[in-house]
Amino acid sequence: MSKTPSGSRTGDVSEAALVRCAQRGDLGAFEQLARRYRDAVYGCAYQRTLDFAAAEELAQEALVRAYLRLGTLRDPQAFGAWLFRLTTNLVAGRARAARPTVPLDAADTPSPGDAAREAALRDLVQRALAVLPEDNRTAVVLYHINGYSCRELAGLLV
């Protein structure tokens, strides 16, 4: 089954029904929602941070916050947009509080040539993404990195 944030997979429970169940405390319903949206949440965080590890951490935190704040969501059909805003706000808040850090993971140090090529490619991709308007950058990251279709993006980026 392919991933679709709209919940349109055959045989799936509607997204609004899952949200209502999760709001009543059904952890399994929220787990289904989290599975549907985890790639989109990660893509949203990545396109704003351009850092894979930070995006993973922020995506996990966004899903935890969504679970804790699910009771504040008034329109179950707006779950995707609500989760996307929550993620965006979390990333923005983290960026405001961020301090420069240096990775200390020396165990996985690539050879100098590999590291230089990887750094140059990463820099090129980051510069290319940085010149795009934020909405376009989000769509590019979700499409090319997370594999969402144009139809899925249209439902997610409302």
N, C-alpha and C. Protein backbone atom coordinates (compact mmCIF):
# COMPACT_ATOMS: atom_id res chain seq x y z
N MET A 1 0.82 -1.17 0.00
CA MET A 1 0.00 0.00 0.00
C MET A 1 0.87 1.24 0.00
N SER A 2 0.56 2.23 -0.81
CA SER A 2 1.36 3.44 -0.85
C SER A 2 0.92 4.40 0.24
N LYS A 3 1.86 5.28 0.62
CA LYS A 3 1.55 6.22 1.68
C LYS A 3 0.78 7.40 1.10
N THR A 4 -0.30 7.77 1.74
CA THR A 4 -1.01 8.97 1.34
C THR A 4 -1.50 9.67 2.58
N PRO A 5 -1.11 10.91 2.77
CA PRO A 5 -1.55 11.64 3.93
C PRO A 5 -3.06 11.86 3.95
N SER A 6 -3.69 11.81 2.81
CA SER A 6 -5.12 12.05 2.76
C SER A 6 -5.92 10.87 3.30
N GLY A 7 -5.25 9.75 3.53
CA GLY A 7 -5.94 8.59 4.06
C GLY A 7 -6.80 7.89 3.01
N SER A 8 -6.44 8.02 1.74
CA SER A 8 -7.29 7.48 0.69
C SER A 8 -6.93 6.06 0.29
N ARG A 9 -6.10 5.38 1.04
CA ARG A 9 -5.76 4.00 0.70
C ARG A 9 -6.98 3.12 0.86
N THR A 10 -7.12 2.19 -0.02
CA THR A 10 -8.24 1.27 0.01
C THR A 10 -8.22 0.47 1.31
N GLY A 11 -9.35 0.41 1.96
CA GLY A 11 -9.46 -0.39 3.17
C GLY A 11 -9.07 0.37 4.43
N ASP A 12 -8.57 1.57 4.29
CA ASP A 12 -8.18 2.33 5.46
C ASP A 12 -9.39 3.02 6.08
N VAL A 13 -9.31 3.21 7.38
CA VAL A 13 -10.30 3.98 8.10
C VAL A 13 -10.07 5.44 7.73
N SER A 14 -11.14 6.23 7.64
CA SER A 14 -10.97 7.63 7.28
C SER A 14 -10.11 8.34 8.32
N GLU A 15 -9.42 9.34 7.84
CA GLU A 15 -8.54 10.11 8.71
C GLU A 15 -9.33 10.77 9.85
N ALA A 16 -10.47 11.36 9.52
CA ALA A 16 -11.28 12.03 10.54
C ALA A 16 -11.72 11.03 11.62
N ALA A 17 -12.08 9.82 11.20
CA ALA A 17 -12.49 8.80 12.18
C ALA A 17 -11.31 8.41 13.07
N LEU A 18 -10.12 8.29 12.48
CA LEU A 18 -8.94 7.98 13.29
C LEU A 18 -8.65 9.10 14.28
N VAL A 19 -8.78 10.33 13.84
CA VAL A 19 -8.53 11.47 14.73
C VAL A 19 -9.51 11.44 15.90
N ARG A 20 -10.79 11.22 15.59
CA ARG A 20 -11.79 11.18 16.67
C ARG A 20 -11.48 10.05 17.67
N CYS A 21 -11.09 8.89 17.15
CA CYS A 21 -10.74 7.77 18.04
C CYS A 21 -9.51 8.13 18.88
N ALA A 22 -8.51 8.72 18.25
CA ALA A 22 -7.30 9.10 18.98
C ALA A 22 -7.62 10.16 20.03
N GLN A 23 -8.52 11.06 19.73
CA GLN A 23 -8.91 12.08 20.71
C GLN A 23 -9.61 11.46 21.91
N ARG A 24 -10.21 10.31 21.71
CA ARG A 24 -10.85 9.59 22.82
C ARG A 24 -9.88 8.66 23.54
N GLY A 25 -8.59 8.71 23.15
CA GLY A 25 -7.59 7.93 23.87
C GLY A 25 -7.13 6.66 23.18
N ASP A 26 -7.57 6.41 21.97
CA ASP A 26 -7.18 5.21 21.24
C ASP A 26 -5.76 5.40 20.67
N LEU A 27 -4.78 4.82 21.35
CA LEU A 27 -3.38 4.97 20.94
C LEU A 27 -3.13 4.33 19.58
N GLY A 28 -3.79 3.23 19.28
CA GLY A 28 -3.63 2.58 17.98
C GLY A 28 -4.07 3.48 16.84
N ALA A 29 -5.12 4.25 17.05
CA ALA A 29 -5.59 5.18 16.02
C ALA A 29 -4.53 6.25 15.78
N PHE A 30 -3.95 6.75 16.86
CA PHE A 30 -2.91 7.78 16.67
C PHE A 30 -1.68 7.17 16.00
N GLU A 31 -1.35 5.94 16.32
CA GLU A 31 -0.21 5.29 15.66
C GLU A 31 -0.43 5.21 14.16
N GLN A 32 -1.65 4.92 13.73
CA GLN A 32 -1.95 4.89 12.30
C GLN A 32 -1.76 6.27 11.67
N LEU A 33 -2.23 7.30 12.36
CA LEU A 33 -2.05 8.67 11.87
C LEU A 33 -0.57 9.01 11.78
N ALA A 34 0.18 8.64 12.80
CA ALA A 34 1.62 8.94 12.81
C ALA A 34 2.33 8.24 11.66
N ARG A 35 1.95 6.98 11.37
CA ARG A 35 2.55 6.27 10.24
C ARG A 35 2.22 6.97 8.92
N ARG A 36 0.99 7.44 8.79
CA ARG A 36 0.60 8.13 7.55
C ARG A 36 1.38 9.41 7.33
N TYR A 37 1.71 10.09 8.40
CA TYR A 37 2.29 11.42 8.28
C TYR A 37 3.76 11.52 8.61
N ARG A 38 4.39 10.48 9.08
CA ARG A 38 5.77 10.62 9.56
C ARG A 38 6.72 11.12 8.47
N ASP A 39 6.57 10.66 7.24
CA ASP A 39 7.45 11.13 6.16
C ASP A 39 7.21 12.60 5.85
N ALA A 40 5.96 13.02 5.86
CA ALA A 40 5.64 14.42 5.58
C ALA A 40 6.18 15.33 6.69
N VAL A 41 6.05 14.89 7.92
CA VAL A 41 6.55 15.66 9.05
C VAL A 41 8.07 15.75 8.96
N TYR A 42 8.72 14.65 8.64
CA TYR A 42 10.17 14.65 8.48
C TYR A 42 10.57 15.58 7.33
N GLY A 43 9.86 15.48 6.21
CA GLY A 43 10.16 16.33 5.06
C GLY A 43 10.00 17.79 5.39
N CYS A 44 8.98 18.13 6.13
CA CYS A 44 8.76 19.51 6.55
C CYS A 44 9.92 19.99 7.40
N ALA A 45 10.33 19.19 8.36
CA ALA A 45 11.45 19.56 9.24
C ALA A 45 12.76 19.63 8.46
N TYR A 46 12.96 18.70 7.55
CA TYR A 46 14.22 18.70 6.79
C TYR A 46 14.32 19.91 5.88
N GLN A 47 13.26 20.24 5.19
CA GLN A 47 13.34 21.36 4.25
C GLN A 47 13.60 22.67 4.96
N ARG A 48 13.33 22.73 6.24
CA ARG A 48 13.60 23.96 7.00
C ARG A 48 14.97 23.94 7.68
N THR A 49 15.45 22.75 8.02
CA THR A 49 16.74 22.66 8.72
C THR A 49 17.88 22.27 7.80
N LEU A 50 17.56 21.53 6.73
CA LEU A 50 18.57 20.97 5.82
C LEU A 50 19.57 20.11 6.58
N ASP A 51 19.09 19.44 7.63
CA ASP A 51 19.93 18.60 8.48
C ASP A 51 19.13 17.33 8.78
N PHE A 52 19.62 16.20 8.26
CA PHE A 52 18.88 14.95 8.40
C PHE A 52 18.63 14.57 9.86
N ALA A 53 19.67 14.63 10.68
CA ALA A 53 19.54 14.22 12.09
C ALA A 53 18.59 15.15 12.85
N ALA A 54 18.74 16.44 12.63
CA ALA A 54 17.86 17.40 13.31
C ALA A 54 16.42 17.20 12.86
N ALA A 55 16.23 16.93 11.57
CA ALA A 55 14.88 16.72 11.05
C ALA A 55 14.25 15.48 11.68
N GLU A 56 15.02 14.42 11.86
CA GLU A 56 14.49 13.21 12.50
C GLU A 56 14.04 13.51 13.93
N GLU A 57 14.88 14.22 14.67
CA GLU A 57 14.55 14.57 16.05
C GLU A 57 13.31 15.47 16.11
N LEU A 58 13.26 16.47 15.24
CA LEU A 58 12.12 17.38 15.23
C LEU A 58 10.84 16.68 14.80
N ALA A 59 10.94 15.76 13.86
CA ALA A 59 9.75 15.02 13.42
C ALA A 59 9.20 14.18 14.57
N GLN A 60 10.08 13.52 15.29
CA GLN A 60 9.64 12.71 16.43
C GLN A 60 8.98 13.61 17.48
N GLU A 61 9.61 14.73 17.77
CA GLU A 61 9.04 15.65 18.76
C GLU A 61 7.69 16.21 18.30
N ALA A 62 7.57 16.51 17.01
CA ALA A 62 6.31 17.03 16.48
C ALA A 62 5.18 16.01 16.66
N LEU A 63 5.47 14.74 16.40
CA LEU A 63 4.44 13.71 16.55
C LEU A 63 4.05 13.52 18.01
N VAL A 64 5.02 13.62 18.90
CA VAL A 64 4.71 13.51 20.34
C VAL A 64 3.84 14.69 20.75
N ARG A 65 4.22 15.89 20.33
CA ARG A 65 3.41 17.07 20.66
C ARG A 65 2.01 16.97 20.07
N ALA A 66 1.92 16.45 18.86
CA ALA A 66 0.61 16.29 18.24
C ALA A 66 -0.27 15.37 19.09
N TYR A 67 0.31 14.29 19.57
CA TYR A 67 -0.45 13.37 20.41
C TYR A 67 -0.91 14.07 21.69
N LEU A 68 -0.01 14.81 22.31
CA LEU A 68 -0.34 15.48 23.57
C LEU A 68 -1.36 16.60 23.38
N ARG A 69 -1.38 17.22 22.21
CA ARG A 69 -2.26 18.36 21.96
C ARG A 69 -3.47 18.01 21.09
N LEU A 70 -3.65 16.74 20.81
CA LEU A 70 -4.72 16.32 19.90
C LEU A 70 -6.09 16.80 20.37
N GLY A 71 -6.27 16.93 21.65
CA GLY A 71 -7.55 17.40 22.17
C GLY A 71 -7.89 18.82 21.77
N THR A 72 -6.90 19.60 21.36
CA THR A 72 -7.15 20.99 20.95
C THR A 72 -7.58 21.10 19.50
N LEU A 73 -7.48 20.01 18.73
CA LEU A 73 -7.88 20.03 17.33
C LEU A 73 -9.39 19.95 17.23
N ARG A 74 -10.01 20.99 16.69
CA ARG A 74 -11.48 21.04 16.62
C ARG A 74 -12.04 20.35 15.39
N ASP A 75 -11.31 20.42 14.27
CA ASP A 75 -11.80 19.83 13.02
C ASP A 75 -10.94 18.62 12.67
N PRO A 76 -11.44 17.41 12.92
CA PRO A 76 -10.64 16.21 12.63
C PRO A 76 -10.17 16.11 11.19
N GLN A 77 -10.89 16.70 10.25
CA GLN A 77 -10.49 16.64 8.84
C GLN A 77 -9.31 17.56 8.55
N ALA A 78 -8.97 18.43 9.48
CA ALA A 78 -7.85 19.36 9.29
C ALA A 78 -6.58 18.83 9.94
N PHE A 79 -6.55 17.55 10.31
CA PHE A 79 -5.41 17.00 11.02
C PHE A 79 -4.09 17.23 10.28
N GLY A 80 -4.04 16.94 8.99
CA GLY A 80 -2.79 17.07 8.22
C GLY A 80 -2.26 18.49 8.25
N ALA A 81 -3.10 19.45 7.97
CA ALA A 81 -2.68 20.85 7.97
C ALA A 81 -2.27 21.28 9.39
N TRP A 82 -3.02 20.83 10.38
CA TRP A 82 -2.72 21.16 11.78
C TRP A 82 -1.35 20.60 12.18
N LEU A 83 -1.10 19.36 11.82
CA LEU A 83 0.17 18.72 12.13
C LEU A 83 1.33 19.42 11.41
N PHE A 84 1.09 19.82 10.18
CA PHE A 84 2.10 20.51 9.40
C PHE A 84 2.44 21.86 10.05
N ARG A 85 1.43 22.61 10.49
CA ARG A 85 1.66 23.89 11.19
C ARG A 85 2.39 23.66 12.50
N LEU A 86 2.00 22.63 13.24
CA LEU A 86 2.66 22.32 14.50
C LEU A 86 4.14 22.05 14.25
N THR A 87 4.44 21.29 13.22
CA THR A 87 5.83 20.97 12.88
C THR A 87 6.60 22.22 12.50
N THR A 88 6.00 23.04 11.66
CA THR A 88 6.64 24.29 11.22
C THR A 88 6.94 25.19 12.42
N ASN A 89 5.99 25.31 13.33
CA ASN A 89 6.19 26.15 14.52
C ASN A 89 7.28 25.57 15.43
N LEU A 90 7.32 24.27 15.55
CA LEU A 90 8.34 23.62 16.37
C LEU A 90 9.72 23.88 15.79
N VAL A 91 9.87 23.73 14.49
CA VAL A 91 11.16 23.96 13.83
C VAL A 91 11.58 25.42 14.01
N ALA A 92 10.64 26.33 13.82
CA ALA A 92 10.96 27.76 13.97
C ALA A 92 11.39 28.07 15.40
N GLY A 93 10.70 27.50 16.37
CA GLY A 93 11.08 27.72 17.76
C GLY A 93 12.44 27.16 18.08
N ARG A 94 12.74 26.00 17.54
CA ARG A 94 14.04 25.37 17.77
C ARG A 94 15.15 26.20 17.13
N ALA A 95 14.87 26.75 15.95
CA ALA A 95 15.88 27.57 15.25
C ALA A 95 16.20 28.83 16.05
N ARG A 96 15.18 29.41 16.67
CA ARG A 96 15.41 30.62 17.47
C ARG A 96 16.29 30.32 18.68
N ALA A 97 16.15 29.13 19.22
CA ALA A 97 16.89 28.78 20.44
C ALA A 97 18.20 28.05 20.15
N ALA A 98 18.47 27.78 18.88
CA ALA A 98 19.63 26.95 18.52
C ALA A 98 20.95 27.65 18.80
N ARG A 99 21.89 26.85 19.20
CA ARG A 99 23.28 27.30 19.34
C ARG A 99 24.11 26.47 18.39
N PRO A 100 25.16 27.04 17.84
CA PRO A 100 26.01 26.26 16.93
C PRO A 100 26.59 25.04 17.65
N THR A 101 26.56 23.91 16.95
CA THR A 101 27.13 22.68 17.50
C THR A 101 28.06 22.05 16.48
N VAL A 102 28.96 21.23 16.97
CA VAL A 102 29.89 20.53 16.10
C VAL A 102 29.69 19.04 16.33
N PRO A 103 29.40 18.27 15.26
CA PRO A 103 29.24 16.83 15.45
C PRO A 103 30.54 16.19 15.93
N LEU A 104 30.43 15.32 16.91
CA LEU A 104 31.61 14.68 17.49
C LEU A 104 31.69 13.20 17.14
N ASP A 105 30.98 12.76 16.13
CA ASP A 105 30.94 11.36 15.77
C ASP A 105 32.14 11.00 14.90
N ALA A 106 33.27 10.73 15.52
CA ALA A 106 34.49 10.43 14.79
C ALA A 106 34.54 8.97 14.33
N ALA A 107 33.67 8.11 14.86
CA ALA A 107 33.71 6.69 14.52
C ALA A 107 33.36 6.45 13.05
N ASP A 108 32.51 7.27 12.47
CA ASP A 108 32.07 7.08 11.10
C ASP A 108 32.73 8.07 10.15
N THR A 109 33.94 8.47 10.42
CA THR A 109 34.62 9.45 9.59
C THR A 109 35.00 8.85 8.25
N PRO A 110 34.47 9.42 7.15
CA PRO A 110 34.83 8.91 5.83
C PRO A 110 36.23 9.37 5.44
N SER A 111 36.75 8.81 4.35
CA SER A 111 38.06 9.24 3.87
C SER A 111 37.98 10.71 3.49
N PRO A 112 39.12 11.42 3.50
CA PRO A 112 39.09 12.86 3.18
C PRO A 112 38.47 13.16 1.81
N GLY A 113 38.76 12.34 0.81
CA GLY A 113 38.18 12.56 -0.51
C GLY A 113 36.68 12.38 -0.53
N ASP A 114 36.20 11.31 0.13
CA ASP A 114 34.76 11.07 0.21
C ASP A 114 34.07 12.17 0.99
N ALA A 115 34.68 12.57 2.08
CA ALA A 115 34.10 13.62 2.92
C ALA A 115 34.01 14.93 2.15
N ALA A 116 35.03 15.24 1.37
CA ALA A 116 35.03 16.49 0.60
C ALA A 116 33.95 16.46 -0.47
N ARG A 117 33.82 15.33 -1.18
CA ARG A 117 32.78 15.21 -2.21
C ARG A 117 31.39 15.29 -1.60
N GLU A 118 31.21 14.59 -0.49
CA GLU A 118 29.92 14.61 0.18
C GLU A 118 29.59 16.02 0.68
N ALA A 119 30.56 16.69 1.25
CA ALA A 119 30.34 18.05 1.74
C ALA A 119 30.01 19.00 0.59
N ALA A 120 30.70 18.86 -0.54
CA ALA A 120 30.45 19.72 -1.69
C ALA A 120 29.05 19.47 -2.25
N LEU A 121 28.65 18.21 -2.33
CA LEU A 121 27.31 17.89 -2.83
C LEU A 121 26.24 18.41 -1.88
N ARG A 122 26.44 18.18 -0.59
CA ARG A 122 25.48 18.67 0.41
C ARG A 122 25.36 20.18 0.33
N ASP A 123 26.51 20.87 0.18
CA ASP A 123 26.50 22.33 0.08
C ASP A 123 25.75 22.78 -1.17
N LEU A 124 25.98 22.10 -2.28
CA LEU A 124 25.30 22.45 -3.53
C LEU A 124 23.78 22.29 -3.39
N VAL A 125 23.34 21.17 -2.81
CA VAL A 125 21.91 20.92 -2.63
C VAL A 125 21.32 21.95 -1.67
N GLN A 126 22.01 22.23 -0.58
CA GLN A 126 21.51 23.20 0.39
C GLN A 126 21.40 24.60 -0.22
N ARG A 127 22.39 24.98 -1.02
CA ARG A 127 22.33 26.30 -1.67
C ARG A 127 21.18 26.35 -2.67
N ALA A 128 20.99 25.27 -3.41
CA ALA A 128 19.90 25.23 -4.39
C ALA A 128 18.54 25.31 -3.68
N LEU A 129 18.39 24.58 -2.59
CA LEU A 129 17.13 24.63 -1.85
C LEU A 129 16.92 25.99 -1.20
N ALA A 130 17.99 26.61 -0.73
CA ALA A 130 17.88 27.88 -0.02
C ALA A 130 17.37 29.01 -0.91
N VAL A 131 17.62 28.94 -2.20
CA VAL A 131 17.16 30.03 -3.08
C VAL A 131 15.69 29.89 -3.47
N LEU A 132 15.10 28.75 -3.21
CA LEU A 132 13.69 28.56 -3.52
C LEU A 132 12.82 29.24 -2.47
N PRO A 133 11.67 29.76 -2.87
CA PRO A 133 10.71 30.25 -1.86
C PRO A 133 10.31 29.08 -0.95
N GLU A 134 9.97 29.38 0.29
CA GLU A 134 9.73 28.33 1.28
C GLU A 134 8.68 27.32 0.83
N ASP A 135 7.57 27.77 0.26
CA ASP A 135 6.53 26.83 -0.18
C ASP A 135 7.05 25.90 -1.27
N ASN A 136 7.82 26.44 -2.20
CA ASN A 136 8.39 25.60 -3.25
C ASN A 136 9.41 24.63 -2.68
N ARG A 137 10.21 25.10 -1.73
CA ARG A 137 11.22 24.25 -1.10
C ARG A 137 10.54 23.07 -0.40
N THR A 138 9.45 23.35 0.30
CA THR A 138 8.71 22.28 0.97
C THR A 138 8.24 21.24 -0.04
N ALA A 139 7.65 21.71 -1.13
CA ALA A 139 7.14 20.78 -2.15
C ALA A 139 8.28 19.96 -2.76
N VAL A 140 9.41 20.60 -3.05
CA VAL A 140 10.55 19.89 -3.66
C VAL A 140 11.07 18.81 -2.72
N VAL A 141 11.23 19.15 -1.45
CA VAL A 141 11.75 18.18 -0.49
C VAL A 141 10.78 17.01 -0.32
N LEU A 142 9.50 17.32 -0.16
CA LEU A 142 8.53 16.24 0.02
C LEU A 142 8.43 15.35 -1.23
N TYR A 143 8.54 15.95 -2.40
CA TYR A 143 8.44 15.19 -3.65
C TYR A 143 9.70 14.37 -3.90
N HIS A 144 10.86 15.01 -3.86
CA HIS A 144 12.10 14.33 -4.26
C HIS A 144 12.73 13.51 -3.14
N ILE A 145 12.62 13.93 -1.91
CA ILE A 145 13.26 13.19 -0.81
C ILE A 145 12.31 12.20 -0.19
N ASN A 146 11.04 12.60 0.00
CA ASN A 146 10.09 11.72 0.67
C ASN A 146 9.20 10.94 -0.29
N GLY A 147 9.24 11.26 -1.58
CA GLY A 147 8.52 10.47 -2.57
C GLY A 147 7.03 10.70 -2.66
N TYR A 148 6.53 11.83 -2.19
CA TYR A 148 5.11 12.12 -2.30
C TYR A 148 4.76 12.47 -3.74
N SER A 149 3.57 12.08 -4.17
CA SER A 149 3.10 12.42 -5.52
C SER A 149 2.57 13.84 -5.51
N CYS A 150 2.36 14.38 -6.69
CA CYS A 150 1.80 15.72 -6.80
C CYS A 150 0.41 15.78 -6.16
N ARG A 151 -0.38 14.75 -6.35
CA ARG A 151 -1.73 14.70 -5.75
C ARG A 151 -1.63 14.69 -4.22
N GLU A 152 -0.72 13.91 -3.69
CA GLU A 152 -0.54 13.87 -2.23
C GLU A 152 -0.08 15.23 -1.71
N LEU A 153 0.82 15.87 -2.43
CA LEU A 153 1.30 17.20 -2.02
C LEU A 153 0.17 18.20 -2.02
N ALA A 154 -0.70 18.13 -3.03
CA ALA A 154 -1.82 19.05 -3.10
C ALA A 154 -2.73 18.91 -1.87
N GLY A 155 -2.91 17.70 -1.39
CA GLY A 155 -3.74 17.50 -0.20
C GLY A 155 -3.03 17.91 1.08
N LEU A 156 -1.71 17.84 1.06
CA LEU A 156 -0.95 18.14 2.27
C LEU A 156 -0.65 19.62 2.41
N LEU A 157 -0.34 20.26 1.32
CA LEU A 157 0.12 21.65 1.35
C LEU A 157 -1.03 22.63 1.08
N VAL A 158 -2.09 22.49 1.81
CA VAL A 158 -3.24 23.40 1.65
C VAL A 158 -3.08 24.63 2.48
